[in-house]
Amino acid sequence: MSAELAAAVRRLALALHSHETDTIDEAAAIAGLDELSAGLRNGRRRLRWYEKDPDPARRPRGRELTAWSGVLNAAAPPMSLDGGRLDDGRPTIDGRVRIDRLREGPPGFVHGGVVAGLFDEVMGAAQRLTQRPGAMTGRLTLRYRRPTPLDTDLLFRAWIEEDRSRRVLVRAASYIDGAEAARPTAEAEAIFVRGAR
C-alpha cells in the first residue's frame, strides 16, 4: 500500500464520520468497498518489519506501519517524527500531528486515550537517542493539564531523562505547535525496560 492510498482511506473514514450517508447509495458503496478490499487481498502478503529479517541488529524499524505515526497505516493519524532540542540543548524527538474528529473525546477535544497513544509513540521513538537497543514500555504516566484541541497542529516532544543498563526514563510534553512557551496540554513520563521479552 502506498502512503497515498492510506491517506485516501483516512479521507474516506473522515467523510463517513462527518457526513450523513443519505445522499449516496449505501449498498453500491459497500459493494464497491468490498470489491476494493478483495482486490487488495489478492496481492502479496506484506511482511511485518520483524518478519523481514530475524536478526534484530539488521532489521528495519518499520515505523511506516505503526499505529500512530505510520504513513502506510490507514488507522494512524499519522504523526511525523523529527529531531529537535530542548532549551538546555538536550536532543528530543518531536512528533507533529493534527487530530481530527475521528479521535474526538470531549466535544472539540482529543480523546485522552489517543493522547496516551501519541505519547507512547513519540517516547518509544525517543529511545533512539540513547543509541542503544530499544526497550518496551514498562510504565506510562500522564498528567492531563488542559484539554488538547482537535483540528490544531500539535507538538509532542520527548527526551531521555536517564539511561541505565536495562531501564530508560523518558519524559515528554504536548503543546499547541508553535506555542511551546505556553503551558503544555499534557505531560508524560515513561519507564522503558530492555530485555523485557
N, C-alpha and C. Protein backbone atom coordinates (compact mmCIF):
# COMPACT_ATOMS: atom_id res chain seq x y z
N MET A 1 0.85 -1.18 0.00
CA MET A 1 0.00 0.00 0.00
C MET A 1 0.88 1.23 0.00
N SER A 2 0.48 2.19 -0.77
CA SER A 2 1.22 3.43 -0.81
C SER A 2 0.69 4.38 0.25
N ALA A 3 1.50 5.38 0.57
CA ALA A 3 1.06 6.41 1.52
C ALA A 3 -0.17 7.14 0.98
N GLU A 4 -0.25 7.30 -0.35
CA GLU A 4 -1.40 8.00 -0.95
C GLU A 4 -2.68 7.20 -0.76
N LEU A 5 -2.60 5.87 -0.91
CA LEU A 5 -3.79 5.03 -0.72
C LEU A 5 -4.22 5.04 0.74
N ALA A 6 -3.26 4.98 1.66
CA ALA A 6 -3.60 5.05 3.08
C ALA A 6 -4.26 6.39 3.41
N ALA A 7 -3.76 7.48 2.84
CA ALA A 7 -4.35 8.80 3.07
C ALA A 7 -5.77 8.86 2.51
N ALA A 8 -6.01 8.21 1.38
CA ALA A 8 -7.36 8.19 0.80
C ALA A 8 -8.33 7.44 1.71
N VAL A 9 -7.86 6.35 2.32
CA VAL A 9 -8.71 5.61 3.27
C VAL A 9 -9.01 6.48 4.48
N ARG A 10 -8.03 7.26 4.95
CA ARG A 10 -8.29 8.19 6.07
C ARG A 10 -9.35 9.22 5.68
N ARG A 11 -9.25 9.75 4.44
CA ARG A 11 -10.25 10.73 3.98
C ARG A 11 -11.64 10.09 3.92
N LEU A 12 -11.71 8.84 3.48
CA LEU A 12 -12.98 8.13 3.43
C LEU A 12 -13.57 7.98 4.84
N ALA A 13 -12.74 7.58 5.80
CA ALA A 13 -13.21 7.41 7.19
C ALA A 13 -13.71 8.74 7.75
N LEU A 14 -12.99 9.82 7.47
CA LEU A 14 -13.41 11.14 7.97
C LEU A 14 -14.72 11.57 7.32
N ALA A 15 -14.86 11.34 6.02
CA ALA A 15 -16.11 11.70 5.33
C ALA A 15 -17.28 10.90 5.89
N LEU A 16 -17.08 9.63 6.16
CA LEU A 16 -18.13 8.78 6.72
C LEU A 16 -18.51 9.24 8.12
N HIS A 17 -17.52 9.67 8.88
CA HIS A 17 -17.76 10.10 10.25
C HIS A 17 -18.43 11.47 10.31
N SER A 18 -18.15 12.33 9.34
CA SER A 18 -18.59 13.73 9.44
C SER A 18 -19.79 14.09 8.56
N HIS A 19 -20.30 13.13 7.78
CA HIS A 19 -21.42 13.44 6.89
C HIS A 19 -22.46 12.33 6.94
N GLU A 20 -23.71 12.72 6.76
CA GLU A 20 -24.79 11.74 6.65
C GLU A 20 -24.63 10.99 5.32
N THR A 21 -25.11 9.76 5.28
CA THR A 21 -24.95 8.94 4.08
C THR A 21 -26.21 8.88 3.22
N ASP A 22 -27.20 9.74 3.50
CA ASP A 22 -28.45 9.67 2.77
C ASP A 22 -28.35 10.15 1.32
N THR A 23 -27.22 10.74 0.95
CA THR A 23 -27.07 11.21 -0.43
C THR A 23 -26.37 10.19 -1.32
N ILE A 24 -26.01 9.04 -0.77
CA ILE A 24 -25.34 8.02 -1.59
C ILE A 24 -26.13 6.71 -1.53
N ASP A 25 -25.87 5.86 -2.48
CA ASP A 25 -26.46 4.52 -2.48
C ASP A 25 -25.54 3.66 -1.61
N GLU A 26 -25.95 3.43 -0.36
CA GLU A 26 -25.08 2.71 0.58
C GLU A 26 -24.75 1.31 0.10
N ALA A 27 -25.71 0.61 -0.49
CA ALA A 27 -25.46 -0.76 -0.95
C ALA A 27 -24.39 -0.77 -2.03
N ALA A 28 -24.46 0.21 -2.96
CA ALA A 28 -23.46 0.28 -4.03
C ALA A 28 -22.09 0.66 -3.45
N ALA A 29 -22.08 1.57 -2.47
CA ALA A 29 -20.81 1.97 -1.84
C ALA A 29 -20.18 0.79 -1.12
N ILE A 30 -20.98 0.05 -0.38
CA ILE A 30 -20.46 -1.12 0.34
C ILE A 30 -19.92 -2.15 -0.65
N ALA A 31 -20.65 -2.40 -1.72
CA ALA A 31 -20.19 -3.37 -2.74
C ALA A 31 -18.87 -2.92 -3.35
N GLY A 32 -18.76 -1.62 -3.65
CA GLY A 32 -17.51 -1.11 -4.21
C GLY A 32 -16.34 -1.24 -3.24
N LEU A 33 -16.58 -0.93 -1.97
CA LEU A 33 -15.52 -1.06 -0.97
C LEU A 33 -15.14 -2.52 -0.76
N ASP A 34 -16.14 -3.41 -0.76
CA ASP A 34 -15.84 -4.85 -0.63
C ASP A 34 -15.02 -5.34 -1.82
N GLU A 35 -15.33 -4.84 -3.01
CA GLU A 35 -14.57 -5.23 -4.21
C GLU A 35 -13.13 -4.73 -4.10
N LEU A 36 -12.95 -3.50 -3.65
CA LEU A 36 -11.60 -2.96 -3.47
C LEU A 36 -10.83 -3.78 -2.43
N SER A 37 -11.49 -4.12 -1.32
CA SER A 37 -10.84 -4.93 -0.28
C SER A 37 -10.41 -6.28 -0.83
N ALA A 38 -11.28 -6.92 -1.61
CA ALA A 38 -10.94 -8.22 -2.19
C ALA A 38 -9.74 -8.09 -3.14
N GLY A 39 -9.71 -7.00 -3.91
CA GLY A 39 -8.58 -6.78 -4.81
C GLY A 39 -7.28 -6.62 -4.04
N LEU A 40 -7.32 -5.90 -2.94
CA LEU A 40 -6.10 -5.72 -2.13
C LEU A 40 -5.66 -7.05 -1.52
N ARG A 41 -6.62 -7.87 -1.10
CA ARG A 41 -6.25 -9.17 -0.50
C ARG A 41 -5.65 -10.13 -1.52
N ASN A 42 -5.86 -9.88 -2.80
CA ASN A 42 -5.25 -10.72 -3.84
C ASN A 42 -3.77 -10.45 -4.01
N GLY A 43 -3.29 -9.35 -3.46
CA GLY A 43 -1.87 -9.02 -3.56
C GLY A 43 -1.03 -9.89 -2.63
N ARG A 44 0.26 -9.75 -2.76
CA ARG A 44 1.19 -10.49 -1.91
C ARG A 44 1.11 -9.98 -0.47
N ARG A 45 1.16 -10.89 0.49
CA ARG A 45 1.08 -10.51 1.90
C ARG A 45 2.30 -9.67 2.28
N ARG A 46 2.05 -8.53 2.94
CA ARG A 46 3.14 -7.66 3.39
C ARG A 46 3.72 -8.25 4.68
N LEU A 47 5.03 -8.45 4.70
CA LEU A 47 5.69 -8.93 5.91
C LEU A 47 5.81 -7.79 6.91
N ARG A 48 5.66 -8.14 8.19
CA ARG A 48 5.90 -7.15 9.24
C ARG A 48 7.41 -6.92 9.31
N TRP A 49 7.82 -5.78 9.87
CA TRP A 49 9.24 -5.45 9.89
C TRP A 49 10.06 -6.52 10.58
N TYR A 50 9.54 -7.17 11.59
CA TYR A 50 10.30 -8.19 12.31
C TYR A 50 10.28 -9.54 11.61
N GLU A 51 9.43 -9.69 10.58
CA GLU A 51 9.43 -10.93 9.79
C GLU A 51 10.42 -10.86 8.63
N LYS A 52 10.85 -9.65 8.28
CA LYS A 52 11.73 -9.48 7.12
C LYS A 52 13.14 -9.99 7.39
N ASP A 53 13.62 -9.81 8.60
CA ASP A 53 14.98 -10.23 8.93
C ASP A 53 15.00 -10.64 10.40
N PRO A 54 15.30 -11.90 10.70
CA PRO A 54 15.28 -12.35 12.09
C PRO A 54 16.39 -11.78 12.96
N ASP A 55 17.40 -11.16 12.33
CA ASP A 55 18.49 -10.57 13.10
C ASP A 55 18.09 -9.17 13.54
N PRO A 56 17.84 -8.95 14.87
CA PRO A 56 17.37 -7.64 15.31
C PRO A 56 18.35 -6.51 15.04
N ALA A 57 19.62 -6.81 14.86
CA ALA A 57 20.60 -5.76 14.61
C ALA A 57 20.48 -5.23 13.18
N ARG A 58 19.90 -6.03 12.27
CA ARG A 58 19.85 -5.62 10.86
C ARG A 58 18.45 -5.26 10.38
N ARG A 59 17.43 -5.63 11.11
CA ARG A 59 16.08 -5.43 10.59
C ARG A 59 15.67 -3.96 10.66
N PRO A 60 14.83 -3.52 9.71
CA PRO A 60 14.35 -2.14 9.73
C PRO A 60 13.33 -1.93 10.83
N ARG A 61 13.10 -0.72 11.21
CA ARG A 61 12.16 -0.42 12.29
C ARG A 61 10.70 -0.52 11.86
N GLY A 62 10.41 -0.37 10.61
CA GLY A 62 9.03 -0.49 10.17
C GLY A 62 8.12 0.61 10.68
N ARG A 63 8.68 1.77 10.95
CA ARG A 63 7.89 2.86 11.53
C ARG A 63 6.74 3.28 10.61
N GLU A 64 6.86 3.03 9.31
CA GLU A 64 5.80 3.47 8.40
C GLU A 64 4.49 2.70 8.59
N LEU A 65 4.51 1.62 9.39
CA LEU A 65 3.30 0.84 9.63
C LEU A 65 2.77 0.95 11.05
N THR A 66 3.38 1.76 11.91
CA THR A 66 2.97 1.81 13.30
C THR A 66 1.59 2.47 13.46
N ALA A 67 1.00 2.24 14.63
CA ALA A 67 -0.38 2.66 14.89
C ALA A 67 -0.57 4.17 14.96
N TRP A 68 0.49 4.92 15.29
CA TRP A 68 0.32 6.36 15.50
C TRP A 68 1.11 7.23 14.53
N SER A 69 2.18 6.72 13.95
CA SER A 69 2.96 7.54 13.03
C SER A 69 3.16 6.88 11.67
N GLY A 70 2.49 5.79 11.42
CA GLY A 70 2.70 5.05 10.18
C GLY A 70 1.97 5.64 8.99
N VAL A 71 2.70 6.18 8.03
CA VAL A 71 2.06 6.76 6.85
C VAL A 71 1.41 5.69 5.99
N LEU A 72 1.82 4.42 6.14
CA LEU A 72 1.19 3.33 5.40
C LEU A 72 0.07 2.66 6.19
N ASN A 73 -0.17 3.12 7.41
CA ASN A 73 -1.23 2.57 8.26
C ASN A 73 -2.42 3.51 8.18
N ALA A 74 -3.49 3.05 7.53
CA ALA A 74 -4.67 3.90 7.33
C ALA A 74 -5.35 4.27 8.65
N ALA A 75 -5.08 3.54 9.73
CA ALA A 75 -5.67 3.84 11.03
C ALA A 75 -4.85 4.89 11.79
N ALA A 76 -3.65 5.19 11.35
CA ALA A 76 -2.78 6.16 12.04
C ALA A 76 -3.18 7.58 11.66
N PRO A 77 -2.92 8.60 12.54
CA PRO A 77 -3.31 9.98 12.22
C PRO A 77 -2.72 10.55 10.93
N PRO A 78 -1.49 10.40 10.51
CA PRO A 78 -0.24 9.94 11.12
C PRO A 78 0.56 11.12 11.71
N MET A 79 1.46 10.78 12.61
CA MET A 79 2.31 11.77 13.26
C MET A 79 3.70 11.71 12.62
N SER A 80 4.26 12.86 12.24
CA SER A 80 5.63 12.90 11.71
C SER A 80 6.59 12.98 12.89
N LEU A 81 7.74 12.33 12.76
CA LEU A 81 8.75 12.30 13.82
C LEU A 81 10.06 12.88 13.31
N ASP A 82 10.57 13.88 14.02
CA ASP A 82 11.83 14.53 13.65
C ASP A 82 12.63 14.84 14.90
N GLY A 83 13.88 15.22 14.71
CA GLY A 83 14.72 15.61 15.84
C GLY A 83 14.53 17.07 16.20
N GLY A 84 14.79 17.37 17.46
CA GLY A 84 14.72 18.73 17.94
C GLY A 84 15.64 18.91 19.13
N ARG A 85 15.48 20.00 19.86
CA ARG A 85 16.32 20.27 21.04
C ARG A 85 15.51 21.00 22.09
N LEU A 86 15.80 20.69 23.35
CA LEU A 86 15.28 21.45 24.46
C LEU A 86 16.06 22.75 24.58
N ASP A 87 15.57 23.68 25.37
CA ASP A 87 16.27 24.95 25.58
C ASP A 87 17.67 24.74 26.15
N ASP A 88 17.87 23.65 26.93
CA ASP A 88 19.19 23.39 27.51
C ASP A 88 20.11 22.62 26.56
N GLY A 89 19.65 22.37 25.32
CA GLY A 89 20.49 21.73 24.31
C GLY A 89 20.31 20.23 24.19
N ARG A 90 19.61 19.59 25.11
CA ARG A 90 19.41 18.15 25.01
C ARG A 90 18.57 17.80 23.79
N PRO A 91 18.92 16.71 23.10
CA PRO A 91 18.17 16.33 21.90
C PRO A 91 16.78 15.78 22.26
N THR A 92 15.86 15.97 21.34
CA THR A 92 14.49 15.48 21.50
C THR A 92 14.05 14.76 20.24
N ILE A 93 12.98 14.01 20.38
CA ILE A 93 12.21 13.54 19.23
C ILE A 93 10.90 14.32 19.28
N ASP A 94 10.59 14.99 18.19
CA ASP A 94 9.40 15.82 18.11
C ASP A 94 8.39 15.17 17.18
N GLY A 95 7.20 14.92 17.71
CA GLY A 95 6.11 14.38 16.91
C GLY A 95 5.12 15.49 16.61
N ARG A 96 4.84 15.66 15.33
CA ARG A 96 3.87 16.68 14.93
C ARG A 96 2.67 15.99 14.30
N VAL A 97 1.47 16.43 14.74
CA VAL A 97 0.26 15.75 14.29
C VAL A 97 -0.92 16.72 14.39
N ARG A 98 -1.92 16.45 13.60
CA ARG A 98 -3.18 17.20 13.64
C ARG A 98 -4.28 16.15 13.78
N ILE A 99 -5.05 16.23 14.84
CA ILE A 99 -6.05 15.21 15.14
C ILE A 99 -7.43 15.72 14.73
N ASP A 100 -8.16 14.90 13.96
CA ASP A 100 -9.50 15.30 13.52
C ASP A 100 -10.58 14.62 14.37
N ARG A 101 -11.81 14.82 14.00
CA ARG A 101 -12.95 14.37 14.79
C ARG A 101 -13.06 12.85 14.91
N LEU A 102 -12.32 12.09 14.13
CA LEU A 102 -12.33 10.63 14.27
C LEU A 102 -11.83 10.20 15.65
N ARG A 103 -11.06 11.07 16.31
CA ARG A 103 -10.48 10.74 17.61
C ARG A 103 -10.93 11.72 18.70
N GLU A 104 -12.17 12.18 18.55
CA GLU A 104 -12.73 13.14 19.50
C GLU A 104 -13.17 12.45 20.78
N GLY A 105 -12.88 13.11 21.91
CA GLY A 105 -13.36 12.67 23.21
C GLY A 105 -14.40 13.67 23.67
N PRO A 106 -14.04 14.57 24.61
CA PRO A 106 -14.97 15.64 24.97
C PRO A 106 -15.21 16.53 23.74
N PRO A 107 -16.36 17.18 23.66
CA PRO A 107 -16.67 17.99 22.48
C PRO A 107 -15.55 18.98 22.14
N GLY A 108 -14.99 18.83 20.91
CA GLY A 108 -13.96 19.73 20.42
C GLY A 108 -12.55 19.39 20.85
N PHE A 109 -12.38 18.28 21.59
CA PHE A 109 -11.06 17.95 22.11
C PHE A 109 -10.69 16.50 21.82
N VAL A 110 -9.38 16.22 21.84
CA VAL A 110 -8.85 14.90 21.57
C VAL A 110 -9.15 13.95 22.73
N HIS A 111 -9.53 12.74 22.41
CA HIS A 111 -9.77 11.70 23.42
C HIS A 111 -8.48 11.45 24.21
N GLY A 112 -8.60 11.33 25.52
CA GLY A 112 -7.42 11.12 26.37
C GLY A 112 -6.63 9.88 26.04
N GLY A 113 -7.30 8.81 25.61
CA GLY A 113 -6.59 7.59 25.22
C GLY A 113 -5.74 7.80 23.98
N VAL A 114 -6.19 8.66 23.08
CA VAL A 114 -5.40 8.99 21.89
C VAL A 114 -4.15 9.77 22.29
N VAL A 115 -4.31 10.71 23.22
CA VAL A 115 -3.15 11.46 23.72
C VAL A 115 -2.13 10.48 24.31
N ALA A 116 -2.60 9.50 25.08
CA ALA A 116 -1.70 8.50 25.66
C ALA A 116 -0.97 7.70 24.58
N GLY A 117 -1.69 7.30 23.53
CA GLY A 117 -1.07 6.55 22.44
C GLY A 117 -0.02 7.36 21.71
N LEU A 118 -0.31 8.64 21.48
CA LEU A 118 0.67 9.51 20.81
C LEU A 118 1.91 9.71 21.67
N PHE A 119 1.72 9.86 22.99
CA PHE A 119 2.88 9.95 23.88
C PHE A 119 3.71 8.66 23.82
N ASP A 120 3.07 7.51 23.87
CA ASP A 120 3.80 6.24 23.84
C ASP A 120 4.62 6.13 22.56
N GLU A 121 4.05 6.58 21.45
CA GLU A 121 4.75 6.52 20.16
C GLU A 121 5.99 7.40 20.16
N VAL A 122 5.83 8.68 20.54
CA VAL A 122 6.96 9.60 20.46
C VAL A 122 8.01 9.25 21.52
N MET A 123 7.58 8.77 22.68
CA MET A 123 8.54 8.40 23.73
C MET A 123 9.29 7.13 23.35
N GLY A 124 8.59 6.19 22.72
CA GLY A 124 9.27 5.00 22.23
C GLY A 124 10.31 5.35 21.17
N ALA A 125 9.95 6.28 20.28
CA ALA A 125 10.90 6.72 19.25
C ALA A 125 12.09 7.44 19.86
N ALA A 126 11.88 8.13 20.99
CA ALA A 126 12.97 8.88 21.63
C ALA A 126 14.08 7.96 22.12
N GLN A 127 13.79 6.69 22.28
CA GLN A 127 14.84 5.77 22.72
C GLN A 127 16.02 5.72 21.76
N ARG A 128 15.77 6.03 20.50
CA ARG A 128 16.88 6.02 19.53
C ARG A 128 17.95 7.03 19.92
N LEU A 129 17.60 8.00 20.74
CA LEU A 129 18.58 9.00 21.20
C LEU A 129 19.65 8.37 22.10
N THR A 130 19.36 7.20 22.67
CA THR A 130 20.35 6.52 23.52
C THR A 130 21.40 5.80 22.68
N GLN A 131 21.11 5.57 21.41
CA GLN A 131 21.98 4.82 20.50
C GLN A 131 22.26 3.42 21.05
N ARG A 132 21.26 2.87 21.73
CA ARG A 132 21.34 1.51 22.28
C ARG A 132 20.08 0.77 21.87
N PRO A 133 20.04 -0.55 22.10
CA PRO A 133 18.83 -1.30 21.73
C PRO A 133 17.58 -0.72 22.38
N GLY A 134 16.48 -0.78 21.66
CA GLY A 134 15.22 -0.27 22.16
C GLY A 134 14.68 -1.12 23.30
N ALA A 135 13.67 -0.59 23.96
CA ALA A 135 13.06 -1.26 25.10
C ALA A 135 11.55 -1.19 24.96
N MET A 136 10.86 -1.92 25.82
CA MET A 136 9.40 -1.95 25.80
C MET A 136 8.85 -1.11 26.95
N THR A 137 7.68 -0.53 26.72
CA THR A 137 7.07 0.30 27.74
C THR A 137 6.78 -0.53 28.98
N GLY A 138 7.32 -0.10 30.13
CA GLY A 138 7.04 -0.75 31.39
C GLY A 138 6.00 0.02 32.20
N ARG A 139 6.06 1.34 32.10
CA ARG A 139 5.09 2.19 32.79
C ARG A 139 4.98 3.50 32.03
N LEU A 140 3.76 3.96 31.88
CA LEU A 140 3.49 5.24 31.22
C LEU A 140 2.55 6.02 32.12
N THR A 141 2.98 7.18 32.57
CA THR A 141 2.19 8.03 33.46
C THR A 141 1.92 9.35 32.76
N LEU A 142 0.65 9.75 32.73
CA LEU A 142 0.26 11.00 32.09
C LEU A 142 -0.36 11.96 33.09
N ARG A 143 -0.13 13.24 32.84
CA ARG A 143 -0.81 14.30 33.58
C ARG A 143 -1.48 15.19 32.53
N TYR A 144 -2.79 15.14 32.50
CA TYR A 144 -3.54 15.97 31.57
C TYR A 144 -3.67 17.35 32.21
N ARG A 145 -3.05 18.35 31.62
CA ARG A 145 -3.03 19.70 32.18
C ARG A 145 -4.23 20.54 31.74
N ARG A 146 -4.63 20.36 30.50
CA ARG A 146 -5.80 21.06 29.96
C ARG A 146 -6.21 20.30 28.71
N PRO A 147 -7.43 20.47 28.23
CA PRO A 147 -7.86 19.70 27.05
C PRO A 147 -6.99 19.98 25.82
N THR A 148 -6.74 18.94 25.05
CA THR A 148 -5.96 19.04 23.82
C THR A 148 -6.93 19.26 22.66
N PRO A 149 -6.84 20.37 21.94
CA PRO A 149 -7.85 20.71 20.93
C PRO A 149 -7.74 19.87 19.65
N LEU A 150 -8.89 19.61 19.06
CA LEU A 150 -8.95 18.98 17.74
C LEU A 150 -8.59 19.99 16.66
N ASP A 151 -8.28 19.46 15.47
CA ASP A 151 -8.06 20.29 14.28
C ASP A 151 -7.07 21.42 14.53
N THR A 152 -6.03 21.11 15.29
CA THR A 152 -4.99 22.06 15.64
C THR A 152 -3.64 21.36 15.49
N ASP A 153 -2.64 22.06 14.98
CA ASP A 153 -1.31 21.47 14.87
C ASP A 153 -0.75 21.28 16.27
N LEU A 154 -0.36 20.05 16.59
CA LEU A 154 0.15 19.70 17.91
C LEU A 154 1.60 19.25 17.83
N LEU A 155 2.32 19.48 18.90
CA LEU A 155 3.70 19.03 19.04
C LEU A 155 3.80 18.15 20.28
N PHE A 156 4.30 16.93 20.10
CA PHE A 156 4.61 16.02 21.20
C PHE A 156 6.13 15.91 21.24
N ARG A 157 6.76 16.40 22.30
CA ARG A 157 8.23 16.47 22.41
C ARG A 157 8.69 15.53 23.51
N ALA A 158 9.64 14.61 23.18
CA ALA A 158 10.14 13.63 24.14
C ALA A 158 11.65 13.68 24.21
N TRP A 159 12.20 13.41 25.41
CA TRP A 159 13.64 13.42 25.62
C TRP A 159 14.01 12.37 26.66
N ILE A 160 15.29 11.98 26.63
CA ILE A 160 15.80 10.99 27.58
C ILE A 160 16.18 11.72 28.86
N GLU A 161 15.61 11.26 29.95
CA GLU A 161 15.94 11.84 31.25
C GLU A 161 17.05 11.03 31.93
N GLU A 162 17.02 9.71 31.73
CA GLU A 162 18.01 8.84 32.37
C GLU A 162 18.11 7.55 31.58
N ASP A 163 19.33 7.07 31.35
CA ASP A 163 19.56 5.84 30.59
C ASP A 163 20.44 4.92 31.42
N ARG A 164 19.84 3.86 31.93
CA ARG A 164 20.59 2.85 32.67
C ARG A 164 20.71 1.60 31.82
N SER A 165 21.37 0.59 32.33
CA SER A 165 21.62 -0.60 31.52
C SER A 165 20.34 -1.25 31.02
N ARG A 166 19.32 -1.42 31.88
CA ARG A 166 18.09 -2.08 31.47
C ARG A 166 16.87 -1.16 31.45
N ARG A 167 16.99 0.04 32.00
CA ARG A 167 15.84 0.92 32.10
C ARG A 167 16.15 2.30 31.50
N VAL A 168 15.18 2.82 30.79
CA VAL A 168 15.31 4.15 30.21
C VAL A 168 14.13 4.99 30.71
N LEU A 169 14.43 6.13 31.31
CA LEU A 169 13.39 7.05 31.76
C LEU A 169 13.26 8.15 30.70
N VAL A 170 12.04 8.29 30.16
CA VAL A 170 11.77 9.26 29.11
C VAL A 170 10.68 10.21 29.62
N ARG A 171 10.84 11.48 29.32
CA ARG A 171 9.82 12.48 29.67
C ARG A 171 9.35 13.13 28.37
N ALA A 172 8.13 13.68 28.42
CA ALA A 172 7.57 14.30 27.22
C ALA A 172 6.49 15.30 27.63
N ALA A 173 6.19 16.20 26.70
CA ALA A 173 5.11 17.17 26.88
C ALA A 173 4.47 17.42 25.53
N SER A 174 3.19 17.76 25.56
CA SER A 174 2.47 18.10 24.32
C SER A 174 2.04 19.55 24.38
N TYR A 175 2.07 20.18 23.22
CA TYR A 175 1.78 21.61 23.11
C TYR A 175 0.96 21.87 21.84
N ILE A 176 0.32 23.00 21.81
CA ILE A 176 -0.16 23.51 20.53
C ILE A 176 1.10 23.94 19.79
N ASP A 177 1.30 23.41 18.59
CA ASP A 177 2.55 23.64 17.87
C ASP A 177 2.79 25.13 17.67
N GLY A 178 4.00 25.57 17.97
CA GLY A 178 4.37 26.96 17.86
C GLY A 178 4.14 27.73 19.15
N ALA A 179 3.56 27.04 20.14
CA ALA A 179 3.27 27.71 21.42
C ALA A 179 3.96 26.97 22.57
N GLU A 180 5.20 26.47 22.32
CA GLU A 180 5.90 25.71 23.34
C GLU A 180 6.13 26.51 24.62
N ALA A 181 6.19 27.84 24.52
CA ALA A 181 6.39 28.66 25.71
C ALA A 181 5.13 28.67 26.58
N ALA A 182 4.00 28.30 25.99
CA ALA A 182 2.75 28.25 26.74
C ALA A 182 2.71 26.97 27.58
N ARG A 183 1.70 26.86 28.41
CA ARG A 183 1.54 25.65 29.21
C ARG A 183 1.31 24.44 28.30
N PRO A 184 1.86 23.29 28.67
CA PRO A 184 1.59 22.09 27.89
C PRO A 184 0.14 21.64 28.08
N THR A 185 -0.40 20.94 27.08
CA THR A 185 -1.73 20.36 27.25
C THR A 185 -1.64 19.10 28.10
N ALA A 186 -0.50 18.42 28.06
CA ALA A 186 -0.30 17.22 28.87
C ALA A 186 1.19 16.97 29.02
N GLU A 187 1.55 16.20 30.03
CA GLU A 187 2.94 15.80 30.27
C GLU A 187 2.96 14.31 30.54
N ALA A 188 4.07 13.67 30.22
CA ALA A 188 4.16 12.23 30.40
C ALA A 188 5.56 11.84 30.87
N GLU A 189 5.59 10.71 31.56
CA GLU A 189 6.84 10.09 31.99
C GLU A 189 6.69 8.60 31.75
N ALA A 190 7.72 7.98 31.22
CA ALA A 190 7.65 6.55 30.94
C ALA A 190 8.96 5.88 31.32
N ILE A 191 8.82 4.65 31.80
CA ILE A 191 9.96 3.77 32.02
C ILE A 191 9.90 2.72 30.93
N PHE A 192 10.97 2.60 30.19
CA PHE A 192 11.10 1.56 29.18
C PHE A 192 12.12 0.54 29.68
N VAL A 193 11.84 -0.74 29.47
CA VAL A 193 12.68 -1.82 30.00
C VAL A 193 13.27 -2.61 28.87
N ARG A 194 14.60 -2.74 28.87
CA ARG A 194 15.29 -3.53 27.85
C ARG A 194 15.27 -5.01 28.25
N GLY A 195 15.18 -5.87 27.26
CA GLY A 195 15.21 -7.30 27.52
C GLY A 195 13.97 -7.79 28.25
N ALA A 196 12.82 -7.16 27.97
CA ALA A 196 11.58 -7.49 28.68
C ALA A 196 10.80 -8.61 28.03
N ARG A 197 11.34 -9.25 27.03
CA ARG A 197 10.59 -10.31 26.32
C ARG A 197 10.61 -11.62 27.05
